[in-house]
């Protein structure tokens, strides 16, 4: 195993996820349900699954779809999710 590559990926993703929407969602779920272990396990499994998809299919997808389009699509999805979170948090005030 290439430990340098492993540590680089770990460090980059660890820093990127600090304070990210995933961490905030986990905070919210634990606050609401008071059950940190199943929430931790569910969130961990979800992150592993998403990372697995990205690692194995990322190269294939970029053969057919330009990187710029993928970045634009990811940005749009991020904004849409943000709007839904804001609507929920503000009780439907935002249309």
PDB file of N, CA and C in Angstrom:
ATOM      1  N   UNK A   1       0.850  -1.189   0.000  1.00  0.00           N
ATOM      2  CA  UNK A   1       0.000   0.000   0.000  1.00  0.00           C
ATOM      3  C   UNK A   1       0.886   1.239   0.000  1.00  0.00           C
ATOM      4  N   UNK A   2       0.455   2.229  -0.738  1.00  0.00           N
ATOM      5  CA  UNK A   2       1.157   3.502  -0.803  1.00  0.00           C
ATOM      6  C   UNK A   2       0.697   4.363   0.381  1.00  0.00           C
ATOM      7  N   UNK A   3       1.453   4.336   1.479  1.00  0.00           N
ATOM      8  CA  UNK A   3       1.058   5.034   2.718  1.00  0.00           C
ATOM      9  C   UNK A   3       1.066   6.544   2.561  1.00  0.00           C
ATOM     10  N   UNK A   4       1.948   7.054   1.725  1.00  0.00           N
ATOM     11  CA  UNK A   4       1.982   8.498   1.494  1.00  0.00           C
ATOM     12  C   UNK A   4       0.670   8.952   0.847  1.00  0.00           C
ATOM     13  N   UNK A   5       0.204   8.213  -0.149  1.00  0.00           N
ATOM     14  CA  UNK A   5      -1.056   8.530  -0.812  1.00  0.00           C
ATOM     15  C   UNK A   5      -2.234   8.360   0.151  1.00  0.00           C
ATOM     16  N   UNK A   6      -2.199   7.300   0.959  1.00  0.00           N
ATOM     17  CA  UNK A   6      -3.237   7.071   1.964  1.00  0.00           C
ATOM     18  C   UNK A   6      -3.331   8.241   2.934  1.00  0.00           C
ATOM     19  N   UNK A   7      -2.199   8.661   3.472  1.00  0.00           N
ATOM     20  CA  UNK A   7      -2.188   9.766   4.443  1.00  0.00           C
ATOM     21  C   UNK A   7      -2.592  11.086   3.801  1.00  0.00           C
ATOM     22  N   UNK A   8      -2.201  11.291   2.546  1.00  0.00           N
ATOM     23  CA  UNK A   8      -2.610  12.509   1.855  1.00  0.00           C
ATOM     24  C   UNK A   8      -4.128  12.548   1.690  1.00  0.00           C
ATOM     25  N   UNK A   9      -4.723  11.429   1.244  1.00  0.00           N
ATOM     26  CA  UNK A   9      -6.177  11.365   1.069  1.00  0.00           C
ATOM     27  C   UNK A   9      -6.880  11.540   2.412  1.00  0.00           C
ATOM     28  N   UNK A  10      -6.377  10.892   3.444  1.00  0.00           N
ATOM     29  CA  UNK A  10      -6.976  11.009   4.774  1.00  0.00           C
ATOM     30  C   UNK A  10      -6.927  12.458   5.260  1.00  0.00           C
ATOM     31  N   UNK A  11      -5.768  13.060   5.171  1.00  0.00           N
ATOM     32  CA  UNK A  11      -5.601  14.430   5.652  1.00  0.00           C
ATOM     33  C   UNK A  11      -6.465  15.431   4.901  1.00  0.00           C
ATOM     34  N   UNK A  12      -6.511  15.311   3.585  1.00  0.00           N
ATOM     35  CA  UNK A  12      -7.317  16.237   2.783  1.00  0.00           C
ATOM     36  C   UNK A  12      -8.802  16.095   3.107  1.00  0.00           C
ATOM     37  N   UNK A  13      -9.277  14.860   3.164  1.00  0.00           N
ATOM     38  CA  UNK A  13     -10.702  14.651   3.429  1.00  0.00           C
ATOM     39  C   UNK A  13     -11.068  14.983   4.869  1.00  0.00           C
ATOM     40  N   UNK A  14     -10.184  14.708   5.800  1.00  0.00           N
ATOM     41  CA  UNK A  14     -10.455  15.056   7.190  1.00  0.00           C
ATOM     42  C   UNK A  14     -10.632  16.561   7.339  1.00  0.00           C
ATOM     43  N   UNK A  15      -9.722  17.318   6.763  1.00  0.00           N
ATOM     44  CA  UNK A  15      -9.825  18.773   6.835  1.00  0.00           C
ATOM     45  C   UNK A  15     -11.036  19.298   6.072  1.00  0.00           C
ATOM     46  N   UNK A  16     -11.337  18.695   4.919  1.00  0.00           N
ATOM     47  CA  UNK A  16     -12.480  19.145   4.122  1.00  0.00           C
ATOM     48  C   UNK A  16     -13.802  18.878   4.831  1.00  0.00           C
ATOM     49  N   UNK A  17     -13.884  17.803   5.597  1.00  0.00           N
ATOM     50  CA  UNK A  17     -15.137  17.434   6.251  1.00  0.00           C
ATOM     51  C   UNK A  17     -15.361  18.148   7.584  1.00  0.00           C
ATOM     52  N   UNK A  18     -14.334  18.744   8.152  1.00  0.00           N
ATOM     53  CA  UNK A  18     -14.526  19.459   9.428  1.00  0.00           C
ATOM     54  C   UNK A  18     -15.498  20.614   9.219  1.00  0.00           C
ATOM     55  N   UNK A  19     -16.583  20.608   9.965  1.00  0.00           N
ATOM     56  CA  UNK A  19     -17.570  21.670   9.860  1.00  0.00           C
ATOM     57  C   UNK A  19     -18.414  21.594   8.601  1.00  0.00           C
ATOM     58  N   UNK A  20     -18.306  20.496   7.876  1.00  0.00           N
ATOM     59  CA  UNK A  20     -19.059  20.335   6.634  1.00  0.00           C
ATOM     60  C   UNK A  20     -20.506  19.952   6.935  1.00  0.00           C
ATOM     61  N   UNK A  21     -21.334  19.955   5.906  1.00  0.00           N
ATOM     62  CA  UNK A  21     -22.759  19.660   6.086  1.00  0.00           C
ATOM     63  C   UNK A  21     -22.983  18.267   6.659  1.00  0.00           C
ATOM     64  N   UNK A  22     -22.112  17.320   6.355  1.00  0.00           N
ATOM     65  CA  UNK A  22     -22.251  15.974   6.912  1.00  0.00           C
ATOM     66  C   UNK A  22     -22.093  16.008   8.434  1.00  0.00           C
ATOM     67  N   UNK A  23     -21.086  16.700   8.895  1.00  0.00           N
ATOM     68  CA  UNK A  23     -20.863  16.798  10.338  1.00  0.00           C
ATOM     69  C   UNK A  23     -22.020  17.533  11.002  1.00  0.00           C
ATOM     70  N   UNK A  24     -22.520  18.568  10.380  1.00  0.00           N
ATOM     71  CA  UNK A  24     -23.651  19.300  10.932  1.00  0.00           C
ATOM     72  C   UNK A  24     -24.916  18.448  10.953  1.00  0.00           C
ATOM     73  N   UNK A  25     -25.100  17.627   9.938  1.00  0.00           N
ATOM     74  CA  UNK A  25     -26.254  16.719   9.914  1.00  0.00           C
ATOM     75  C   UNK A  25     -26.157  15.699  11.040  1.00  0.00           C
ATOM     76  N   UNK A  26     -24.957  15.186  11.275  1.00  0.00           N
ATOM     77  CA  UNK A  26     -24.766  14.231  12.375  1.00  0.00           C
ATOM     78  C   UNK A  26     -25.035  14.914  13.714  1.00  0.00           C
ATOM     79  N   UNK A  27     -24.524  16.125  13.913  1.00  0.00           N
ATOM     80  CA  UNK A  27     -24.810  16.870  15.149  1.00  0.00           C
ATOM     81  C   UNK A  27     -26.315  16.997  15.360  1.00  0.00           C
ATOM     82  N   UNK A  28     -27.015  17.365  14.288  1.00  0.00           N
ATOM     83  CA  UNK A  28     -28.458  17.567  14.375  1.00  0.00           C
ATOM     84  C   UNK A  28     -29.179  16.267  14.727  1.00  0.00           C
ATOM     85  N   UNK A  29     -28.808  15.180  14.082  1.00  0.00           N
ATOM     86  CA  UNK A  29     -29.443  13.895  14.364  1.00  0.00           C
ATOM     87  C   UNK A  29     -29.206  13.440  15.805  1.00  0.00           C
ATOM     88  N   UNK A  30     -27.981  13.582  16.273  1.00  0.00           N
ATOM     89  CA  UNK A  30     -27.679  13.178  17.651  1.00  0.00           C
ATOM     90  C   UNK A  30     -28.440  14.054  18.639  1.00  0.00           C
ATOM     91  N   UNK A  31     -28.511  15.334  18.370  1.00  0.00           N
ATOM     92  CA  UNK A  31     -29.268  16.241  19.236  1.00  0.00           C
ATOM     93  C   UNK A  31     -30.741  15.849  19.272  1.00  0.00           C
ATOM     94  N   UNK A  32     -31.279  15.488  18.128  1.00  0.00           N
ATOM     95  CA  UNK A  32     -32.702  15.162  18.039  1.00  0.00           C
ATOM     96  C   UNK A  32     -33.031  13.792  18.631  1.00  0.00           C
ATOM     97  N   UNK A  33     -32.211  12.778  18.368  1.00  0.00           N
ATOM     98  CA  UNK A  33     -32.549  11.407  18.751  1.00  0.00           C
ATOM     99  C   UNK A  33     -31.777  10.870  19.952  1.00  0.00           C
ATOM    100  N   UNK A  34     -30.727  11.576  20.391  1.00  0.00           N
ATOM    101  CA  UNK A  34     -29.947  11.185  21.567  1.00  0.00           C
ATOM    102  C   UNK A  34     -29.390   9.757  21.479  1.00  0.00           C
ATOM    103  N   UNK A  35     -29.010   9.344  20.275  1.00  0.00           N
ATOM    104  CA  UNK A  35     -28.458   8.001  20.051  1.00  0.00           C
ATOM    105  C   UNK A  35     -27.214   8.099  19.179  1.00  0.00           C
ATOM    106  N   UNK A  36     -26.072   8.442  19.762  1.00  0.00           N
ATOM    107  CA  UNK A  36     -24.884   8.688  18.939  1.00  0.00           C
ATOM    108  C   UNK A  36     -24.321   7.459  18.226  1.00  0.00           C
ATOM    109  N   UNK A  37     -24.393   6.274  18.821  1.00  0.00           N
ATOM    110  CA  UNK A  37     -23.754   5.103  18.206  1.00  0.00           C
ATOM    111  C   UNK A  37     -24.415   4.704  16.893  1.00  0.00           C
ATOM    112  N   UNK A  38     -25.752   4.493  16.827  1.00  0.00           N
ATOM    113  CA  UNK A  38     -26.319   4.134  15.518  1.00  0.00           C
ATOM    114  C   UNK A  38     -26.182   5.247  14.481  1.00  0.00           C
ATOM    115  N   UNK A  39     -26.209   6.484  14.920  1.00  0.00           N
ATOM    116  CA  UNK A  39     -26.035   7.597  13.986  1.00  0.00           C
ATOM    117  C   UNK A  39     -24.601   7.615  13.461  1.00  0.00           C
ATOM    118  N   UNK A  40     -23.638   7.405  14.338  1.00  0.00           N
ATOM    119  CA  UNK A  40     -22.236   7.316  13.916  1.00  0.00           C
ATOM    120  C   UNK A  40     -22.040   6.185  12.917  1.00  0.00           C
ATOM    121  N   UNK A  41     -22.589   5.019  13.223  1.00  0.00           N
ATOM    122  CA  UNK A  41     -22.416   3.870  12.336  1.00  0.00           C
ATOM    123  C   UNK A  41     -23.105   4.095  10.990  1.00  0.00           C
ATOM    124  N   UNK A  42     -24.310   4.651  11.004  1.00  0.00           N
ATOM    125  CA  UNK A  42     -25.016   4.930   9.756  1.00  0.00           C
ATOM    126  C   UNK A  42     -24.293   5.963   8.912  1.00  0.00           C
ATOM    127  N   UNK A  43     -23.838   7.042   9.542  1.00  0.00           N
ATOM    128  CA  UNK A  43     -23.114   8.090   8.821  1.00  0.00           C
ATOM    129  C   UNK A  43     -21.789   7.563   8.276  1.00  0.00           C
ATOM    130  N   UNK A  44     -21.107   6.757   9.066  1.00  0.00           N
ATOM    131  CA  UNK A  44     -19.834   6.178   8.615  1.00  0.00           C
ATOM    132  C   UNK A  44     -20.037   5.270   7.417  1.00  0.00           C
ATOM    133  N   UNK A  45     -21.078   4.427   7.479  1.00  0.00           N
ATOM    134  CA  UNK A  45     -21.363   3.526   6.356  1.00  0.00           C
ATOM    135  C   UNK A  45     -21.710   4.328   5.098  1.00  0.00           C
ATOM    136  N   UNK A  46     -22.476   5.406   5.270  1.00  0.00           N
ATOM    137  CA  UNK A  46     -22.831   6.242   4.123  1.00  0.00           C
ATOM    138  C   UNK A  46     -21.590   6.883   3.501  1.00  0.00           C
ATOM    139  N   UNK A  47     -20.699   7.408   4.337  1.00  0.00           N
ATOM    140  CA  UNK A  47     -19.486   8.043   3.813  1.00  0.00           C
ATOM    141  C   UNK A  47     -18.579   7.041   3.111  1.00  0.00           C
ATOM    142  N   UNK A  48     -18.479   5.826   3.670  1.00  0.00           N
ATOM    143  CA  UNK A  48     -17.671   4.792   3.027  1.00  0.00           C
ATOM    144  C   UNK A  48     -18.268   4.429   1.668  1.00  0.00           C
ATOM    145  N   UNK A  49     -19.588   4.298   1.601  1.00  0.00           N
ATOM    146  CA  UNK A  49     -20.256   3.950   0.346  1.00  0.00           C
ATOM    147  C   UNK A  49     -20.064   5.028  -0.713  1.00  0.00           C
ATOM    148  N   UNK A  50     -20.258   6.277  -0.323  1.00  0.00           N
ATOM    149  CA  UNK A  50     -20.103   7.383  -1.265  1.00  0.00           C
ATOM    150  C   UNK A  50     -18.654   7.481  -1.754  1.00  0.00           C
ATOM    151  N   UNK A  51     -17.707   7.289  -0.845  1.00  0.00           N
ATOM    152  CA  UNK A  51     -16.296   7.338  -1.216  1.00  0.00           C
ATOM    153  C   UNK A  51     -15.943   6.183  -2.139  1.00  0.00           C
ATOM    154  N   UNK A  52     -16.506   5.009  -1.875  1.00  0.00           N
ATOM    155  CA  UNK A  52     -16.278   3.848  -2.736  1.00  0.00           C
ATOM    156  C   UNK A  52     -16.774   4.125  -4.151  1.00  0.00           C
ATOM    157  N   UNK A  53     -17.965   4.690  -4.257  1.00  0.00           N
ATOM    158  CA  UNK A  53     -18.512   5.040  -5.575  1.00  0.00           C
ATOM    159  C   UNK A  53     -17.598   6.045  -6.270  1.00  0.00           C
ATOM    160  N   UNK A  54     -17.177   7.073  -5.542  1.00  0.00           N
ATOM    161  CA  UNK A  54     -16.296   8.076  -6.132  1.00  0.00           C
ATOM    162  C   UNK A  54     -14.967   7.500  -6.581  1.00  0.00           C
ATOM    163  N   UNK A  55     -14.397   6.612  -5.764  1.00  0.00           N
ATOM    164  CA  UNK A  55     -13.089   6.050  -6.079  1.00  0.00           C
ATOM    165  C   UNK A  55     -13.136   5.126  -7.294  1.00  0.00           C
ATOM    166  N   UNK A  56     -14.171   4.311  -7.397  1.00  0.00           N
ATOM    167  CA  UNK A  56     -14.206   3.327  -8.470  1.00  0.00           C
ATOM    168  C   UNK A  56     -14.842   3.832  -9.763  1.00  0.00           C
ATOM    169  N   UNK A  57     -15.759   4.796  -9.656  1.00  0.00           N
ATOM    170  CA  UNK A  57     -16.446   5.245 -10.856  1.00  0.00           C
ATOM    171  C   UNK A  57     -16.017   6.632 -11.323  1.00  0.00           C
ATOM    172  N   UNK A  58     -15.240   7.328 -10.515  1.00  0.00           N
ATOM    173  CA  UNK A  58     -14.820   8.682 -10.873  1.00  0.00           C
ATOM    174  C   UNK A  58     -14.051   8.748 -12.174  1.00  0.00           C
ATOM    175  N   UNK A  59     -13.133   7.830 -12.357  1.00  0.00           N
ATOM    176  CA  UNK A  59     -12.334   7.847 -13.575  1.00  0.00           C
ATOM    177  C   UNK A  59     -13.187   7.506 -14.796  1.00  0.00           C
ATOM    178  N   UNK A  60     -14.098   6.574 -14.649  1.00  0.00           N
ATOM    179  CA  UNK A  60     -14.961   6.178 -15.759  1.00  0.00           C
ATOM    180  C   UNK A  60     -15.854   7.344 -16.189  1.00  0.00           C
ATOM    181  N   UNK A  61     -16.436   8.021 -15.202  1.00  0.00           N
ATOM    182  CA  UNK A  61     -17.342   9.129 -15.499  1.00  0.00           C
ATOM    183  C   UNK A  61     -16.602  10.252 -16.218  1.00  0.00           C
ATOM    184  N   UNK A  62     -15.382  10.557 -15.777  1.00  0.00           N
ATOM    185  CA  UNK A  62     -14.643  11.661 -16.399  1.00  0.00           C
ATOM    186  C   UNK A  62     -14.190  11.349 -17.820  1.00  0.00           C
ATOM    187  N   UNK A  63     -14.266  10.106 -18.234  1.00  0.00           N
ATOM    188  CA  UNK A  63     -13.977   9.777 -19.633  1.00  0.00           C
ATOM    189  C   UNK A  63     -15.077  10.290 -20.557  1.00  0.00           C
ATOM    190  N   UNK A  64     -16.298  10.360 -20.034  1.00  0.00           N
ATOM    191  CA  UNK A  64     -17.458  10.702 -20.855  1.00  0.00           C
ATOM    192  C   UNK A  64     -18.023  12.100 -20.568  1.00  0.00           C
ATOM    193  N   UNK A  65     -17.792  12.597 -19.368  1.00  0.00           N
ATOM    194  CA  UNK A  65     -18.329  13.905 -18.986  1.00  0.00           C
ATOM    195  C   UNK A  65     -17.159  14.802 -18.583  1.00  0.00           C
ATOM    196  N   UNK A  66     -17.026  15.976 -19.202  1.00  0.00           N
ATOM    197  CA  UNK A  66     -15.927  16.872 -18.852  1.00  0.00           C
ATOM    198  C   UNK A  66     -15.978  17.291 -17.370  1.00  0.00           C
ATOM    199  N   UNK A  67     -14.822  17.470 -16.780  1.00  0.00           N
ATOM    200  CA  UNK A  67     -14.704  17.831 -15.376  1.00  0.00           C
ATOM    201  C   UNK A  67     -15.464  19.111 -15.050  1.00  0.00           C
ATOM    202  N   UNK A  68     -15.441  20.057 -15.975  1.00  0.00           N
ATOM    203  CA  UNK A  68     -16.135  21.326 -15.734  1.00  0.00           C
ATOM    204  C   UNK A  68     -17.629  21.111 -15.516  1.00  0.00           C
ATOM    205  N   UNK A  69     -18.240  20.209 -16.283  1.00  0.00           N
ATOM    206  CA  UNK A  69     -19.668  19.914 -16.128  1.00  0.00           C
ATOM    207  C   UNK A  69     -19.942  19.230 -14.787  1.00  0.00           C
ATOM    208  N   UNK A  70     -19.041  18.348 -14.396  1.00  0.00           N
ATOM    209  CA  UNK A  70     -19.206  17.670 -13.107  1.00  0.00           C
ATOM    210  C   UNK A  70     -19.133  18.673 -11.952  1.00  0.00           C
ATOM    211  N   UNK A  71     -18.194  19.600 -12.043  1.00  0.00           N
ATOM    212  CA  UNK A  71     -18.075  20.615 -10.997  1.00  0.00           C
ATOM    213  C   UNK A  71     -19.304  21.508 -10.964  1.00  0.00           C
ATOM    214  N   UNK A  72     -19.809  21.899 -12.128  1.00  0.00           N
ATOM    215  CA  UNK A  72     -21.018  22.727 -12.197  1.00  0.00           C
ATOM    216  C   UNK A  72     -22.209  21.969 -11.610  1.00  0.00           C
ATOM    217  N   UNK A  73     -22.366  20.723 -11.982  1.00  0.00           N
ATOM    218  CA  UNK A  73     -23.461  19.906 -11.450  1.00  0.00           C
ATOM    219  C   UNK A  73     -23.376  19.755  -9.946  1.00  0.00           C
ATOM    220  N   UNK A  74     -22.176  19.510  -9.430  1.00  0.00           N
ATOM    221  CA  UNK A  74     -21.992  19.379  -7.979  1.00  0.00           C
ATOM    222  C   UNK A  74     -22.345  20.680  -7.271  1.00  0.00           C
ATOM    223  N   UNK A  75     -21.950  21.804  -7.857  1.00  0.00           N
ATOM    224  CA  UNK A  75     -22.272  23.105  -7.267  1.00  0.00           C
ATOM    225  C   UNK A  75     -23.767  23.357  -7.219  1.00  0.00           C
ATOM    226  N   UNK A  76     -24.461  23.015  -8.304  1.00  0.00           N
ATOM    227  CA  UNK A  76     -25.916  23.201  -8.351  1.00  0.00           C
ATOM    228  C   UNK A  76     -26.595  22.310  -7.313  1.00  0.00           C
ATOM    229  N   UNK A  77     -26.177  21.066  -7.231  1.00  0.00           N
ATOM    230  CA  UNK A  77     -26.758  20.147  -6.238  1.00  0.00           C
ATOM    231  C   UNK A  77     -26.520  20.676  -4.829  1.00  0.00           C
ATOM    232  N   UNK A  78     -25.329  21.182  -4.557  1.00  0.00           N
ATOM    233  CA  UNK A  78     -25.005  21.723  -3.244  1.00  0.00           C
ATOM    234  C   UNK A  78     -25.925  22.903  -2.901  1.00  0.00           C
ATOM    235  N   UNK A  79     -26.159  23.775  -3.870  1.00  0.00           N
ATOM    236  CA  UNK A  79     -27.040  24.932  -3.647  1.00  0.00           C
ATOM    237  C   UNK A  79     -28.477  24.471  -3.389  1.00  0.00           C
ATOM    238  N   UNK A  80     -28.956  23.505  -4.169  1.00  0.00           N
ATOM    239  CA  UNK A  80     -30.320  22.998  -3.982  1.00  0.00           C
ATOM    240  C   UNK A  80     -30.483  22.375  -2.601  1.00  0.00           C
ATOM    241  N   UNK A  81     -29.524  21.581  -2.177  1.00  0.00           N
ATOM    242  CA  UNK A  81     -29.579  20.989  -0.833  1.00  0.00           C
ATOM    243  C   UNK A  81     -29.585  22.090   0.221  1.00  0.00           C
ATOM    244  N   UNK A  82     -28.778  23.120   0.033  1.00  0.00           N
ATOM    245  CA  UNK A  82     -28.750  24.248   0.966  1.00  0.00           C
ATOM    246  C   UNK A  82     -30.101  24.935   1.064  1.00  0.00           C
ATOM    247  N   UNK A  83     -30.773  25.094  -0.056  1.00  0.00           N
ATOM    248  CA  UNK A  83     -32.100  25.726  -0.049  1.00  0.00           C
ATOM    249  C   UNK A  83     -33.086  24.866   0.736  1.00  0.00           C
ATOM    250  N   UNK A  84     -33.058  23.552   0.526  1.00  0.00           N
ATOM    251  CA  UNK A  84     -33.954  22.669   1.278  1.00  0.00           C
ATOM    252  C   UNK A  84     -33.663  22.704   2.776  1.00  0.00           C
ATOM    253  N   UNK A  85     -32.404  22.748   3.144  1.00  0.00           N
ATOM    254  CA  UNK A  85     -32.041  22.818   4.563  1.00  0.00           C
ATOM    255  C   UNK A  85     -32.520  24.135   5.161  1.00  0.00           C
ATOM    256  N   UNK A  86     -32.332  25.232   4.440  1.00  0.00           N
ATOM    257  CA  UNK A  86     -32.810  26.531   4.918  1.00  0.00           C
ATOM    258  C   UNK A  86     -34.327  26.553   5.068  1.00  0.00           C
ATOM    259  N   UNK A  87     -35.035  25.994   4.083  1.00  0.00           N
ATOM    260  CA  UNK A  87     -36.506  25.929   4.176  1.00  0.00           C
ATOM    261  C   UNK A  87     -36.933  25.184   5.428  1.00  0.00           C
ATOM    262  N   UNK A  88     -36.298  24.064   5.695  1.00  0.00           N
ATOM    263  CA  UNK A  88     -36.632  23.263   6.870  1.00  0.00           C
ATOM    264  C   UNK A  88     -36.308  24.024   8.155  1.00  0.00           C
ATOM    265  N   UNK A  89     -35.161  24.657   8.181  1.00  0.00           N
ATOM    266  CA  UNK A  89     -34.737  25.373   9.387  1.00  0.00           C
ATOM    267  C   UNK A  89     -35.600  26.611   9.674  1.00  0.00           C
ATOM    268  N   UNK A  90     -36.076  27.249   8.619  1.00  0.00           N
ATOM    269  CA  UNK A  90     -36.876  28.472   8.798  1.00  0.00           C
ATOM    270  C   UNK A  90     -38.372  28.207   8.746  1.00  0.00           C
ATOM    271  N   UNK A  91     -38.749  26.949   8.762  1.00  0.00           N
ATOM    272  CA  UNK A  91     -40.159  26.609   8.814  1.00  0.00           C
ATOM    273  C   UNK A  91     -40.936  26.910   7.555  1.00  0.00           C
ATOM    274  N   UNK A  92     -40.303  26.835   6.406  1.00  0.00           N
ATOM    275  CA  UNK A  92     -41.007  27.027   5.156  1.00  0.00           C
ATOM    276  C   UNK A  92     -41.149  28.491   4.730  1.00  0.00           C
ATOM    277  N   UNK A  93     -40.448  29.407   5.375  1.00  0.00           N
ATOM    278  CA  UNK A  93     -40.527  30.814   4.997  1.00  0.00           C
ATOM    279  C   UNK A  93     -39.968  31.037   3.599  1.00  0.00           C
ATOM    280  N   UNK A  94     -38.864  30.372   3.272  1.00  0.00           N
ATOM    281  CA  UNK A  94     -38.222  30.498   1.957  1.00  0.00           C
ATOM    282  C   UNK A  94     -38.955  29.595   0.975  1.00  0.00           C
ATOM    283  N   UNK A  95     -39.296  30.123  -0.168  1.00  0.00           N
ATOM    284  CA  UNK A  95     -40.024  29.350  -1.191  1.00  0.00           C
ATOM    285  C   UNK A  95     -39.068  28.534  -2.006  1.00  0.00           C
TER     286      UNK A  95
END
